[in-house]
Amino acid sequence: MSGKLVVNGDVQVQQPSGEEQVVALRGTPRGYDKSSITVKSGTPVKFQFSADPNSGCGRQVIIDNVGVNLVSRNGETVTAAFTPPSPGQYRYHCSMNMFRGVLIAT
């Protein structure tokens, strides 16, 4: 078995060969815990999202152009699966666009 770990600042992506990439994001009262996440385009992503119960609109994350819209209630982890279709930047944000970040597909 082989794997690859991509680190961009404080972001870790688990990418086993031939399998999905697993990334995690957490909403806090001050914003998301990561301002950017890097993944490989064309490879499935398992996106795990959780949020502190007092995170306000940060309990939601929307990822533009890939159909992800998740809400974490009471701190639970919710998951979405998607595949970034091409290299580029995909914005993620809360419903009020107060918390923001970017998913970078290479």
Protein backbone atom coordinates (compact mmCIF):
# COMPACT_ATOMS: atom_id res chain seq x y z
CA MET A 1 0.00 0.00 0.00
CA SER A 2 1.23 3.48 -0.79
CA GLY A 3 -0.02 6.95 -0.01
CA LYS A 4 0.68 10.63 -0.36
CA LEU A 5 0.43 13.44 2.18
CA VAL A 6 0.04 16.96 0.81
CA VAL A 7 0.59 19.80 3.26
CA ASN A 8 -0.34 23.40 2.53
CA GLY A 9 0.18 25.44 5.67
CA ASP A 10 -1.78 23.62 8.35
CA VAL A 11 -3.79 21.45 5.95
CA GLN A 12 -3.31 17.71 5.66
CA VAL A 13 -4.77 15.61 2.87
CA GLN A 14 -4.76 11.84 3.06
CA GLN A 15 -4.54 10.40 -0.45
CA PRO A 16 -4.13 6.63 -0.61
CA SER A 17 -3.21 5.41 -4.06
CA GLY A 18 -6.31 4.73 -6.15
CA GLU A 19 -8.72 5.88 -3.42
CA GLU A 20 -10.44 9.02 -2.30
CA GLN A 21 -8.71 11.97 -0.66
CA VAL A 22 -9.93 12.70 2.86
CA VAL A 23 -10.00 16.31 4.09
CA ALA A 24 -11.51 17.88 7.19
CA LEU A 25 -12.70 21.40 7.97
CA ARG A 26 -14.07 22.78 11.23
CA GLY A 27 -16.15 25.89 11.84
CA THR A 28 -15.33 27.93 14.94
CA PRO A 29 -16.79 31.18 16.31
CA ARG A 30 -13.90 33.02 14.60
CA GLY A 31 -14.12 31.31 11.20
CA TYR A 32 -13.03 28.09 9.56
CA ASP A 33 -9.93 26.40 10.95
CA LYS A 34 -8.30 26.30 7.48
CA SER A 35 -8.17 29.10 4.95
CA SER A 36 -7.08 26.74 2.16
CA ILE A 37 -7.16 23.06 1.37
CA THR A 38 -5.24 21.43 -1.49
CA VAL A 39 -6.46 18.32 -3.30
CA LYS A 40 -5.80 16.62 -6.64
CA SER A 41 -8.33 17.26 -9.40
CA GLY A 42 -10.01 14.24 -10.97
CA THR A 43 -9.63 12.24 -7.74
CA PRO A 44 -12.65 11.71 -5.43
CA VAL A 45 -12.67 13.77 -2.23
CA LYS A 46 -14.33 12.80 1.05
CA PHE A 47 -14.96 16.16 2.72
CA GLN A 48 -15.61 15.97 6.47
CA PHE A 49 -17.10 19.07 8.10
CA SER A 50 -17.85 19.81 11.73
CA ALA A 51 -18.48 23.01 13.67
CA ASP A 52 -18.60 24.23 17.22
CA PRO A 53 -22.26 24.67 18.26
CA ASN A 54 -21.69 28.42 18.83
CA SER A 55 -20.17 29.04 15.38
CA GLY A 56 -23.14 30.97 14.02
CA CYS A 57 -23.25 30.84 10.23
CA GLY A 58 -19.92 28.96 10.36
CA ARG A 59 -21.96 25.82 11.08
CA GLN A 60 -22.54 25.72 7.32
CA VAL A 61 -20.08 25.31 4.47
CA ILE A 62 -20.83 25.69 0.77
CA ILE A 63 -18.23 24.76 -1.85
CA ASP A 64 -18.89 26.56 -5.12
CA ASN A 65 -19.14 24.61 -8.38
CA VAL A 66 -19.06 21.11 -6.86
CA GLY A 67 -22.51 20.97 -5.24
CA VAL A 68 -21.45 20.79 -1.58
CA ASN A 69 -23.70 22.38 1.06
CA LEU A 70 -23.22 20.97 4.57
CA VAL A 71 -24.59 21.99 7.97
CA SER A 72 -23.10 20.72 11.25
CA ARG A 73 -25.62 20.78 14.08
CA ASN A 74 -24.49 20.32 17.68
CA GLY A 75 -20.89 19.69 16.65
CA GLU A 76 -21.50 16.53 14.62
CA THR A 77 -19.36 15.67 11.61
CA VAL A 78 -21.15 15.64 8.26
CA THR A 79 -19.60 14.36 5.05
CA ALA A 80 -19.85 15.02 1.33
CA ALA A 81 -18.18 13.20 -1.53
CA PHE A 82 -17.26 14.94 -4.77
CA THR A 83 -14.58 15.01 -7.45
CA PRO A 84 -13.04 18.34 -8.49
CA PRO A 85 -13.46 18.17 -12.27
CA SER A 86 -10.42 20.24 -13.21
CA PRO A 87 -7.49 22.10 -11.67
CA GLY A 88 -8.41 25.45 -10.19
CA GLN A 89 -9.74 27.18 -7.13
CA TYR A 90 -13.13 26.39 -5.61
CA ARG A 91 -14.32 28.86 -2.98
CA TYR A 92 -15.88 27.64 0.23
CA HIS A 93 -17.91 29.88 2.50
CA CYS A 94 -20.80 30.12 4.94
CA SER A 95 -24.29 31.18 3.82
CA MET A 96 -23.58 34.80 4.76
CA ASN A 97 -20.13 34.75 3.10
CA MET A 98 -18.55 35.91 6.37
CA PHE A 99 -16.34 32.81 6.71
CA ARG A 100 -14.33 31.99 3.60
CA GLY A 101 -11.59 29.79 2.22
CA VAL A 102 -10.44 28.15 -0.98
CA LEU A 103 -10.15 24.52 -2.07
CA ILE A 104 -7.23 24.34 -4.50
CA ALA A 105 -7.33 21.47 -7.00
CA THR A 106 -3.97 20.80 -8.63
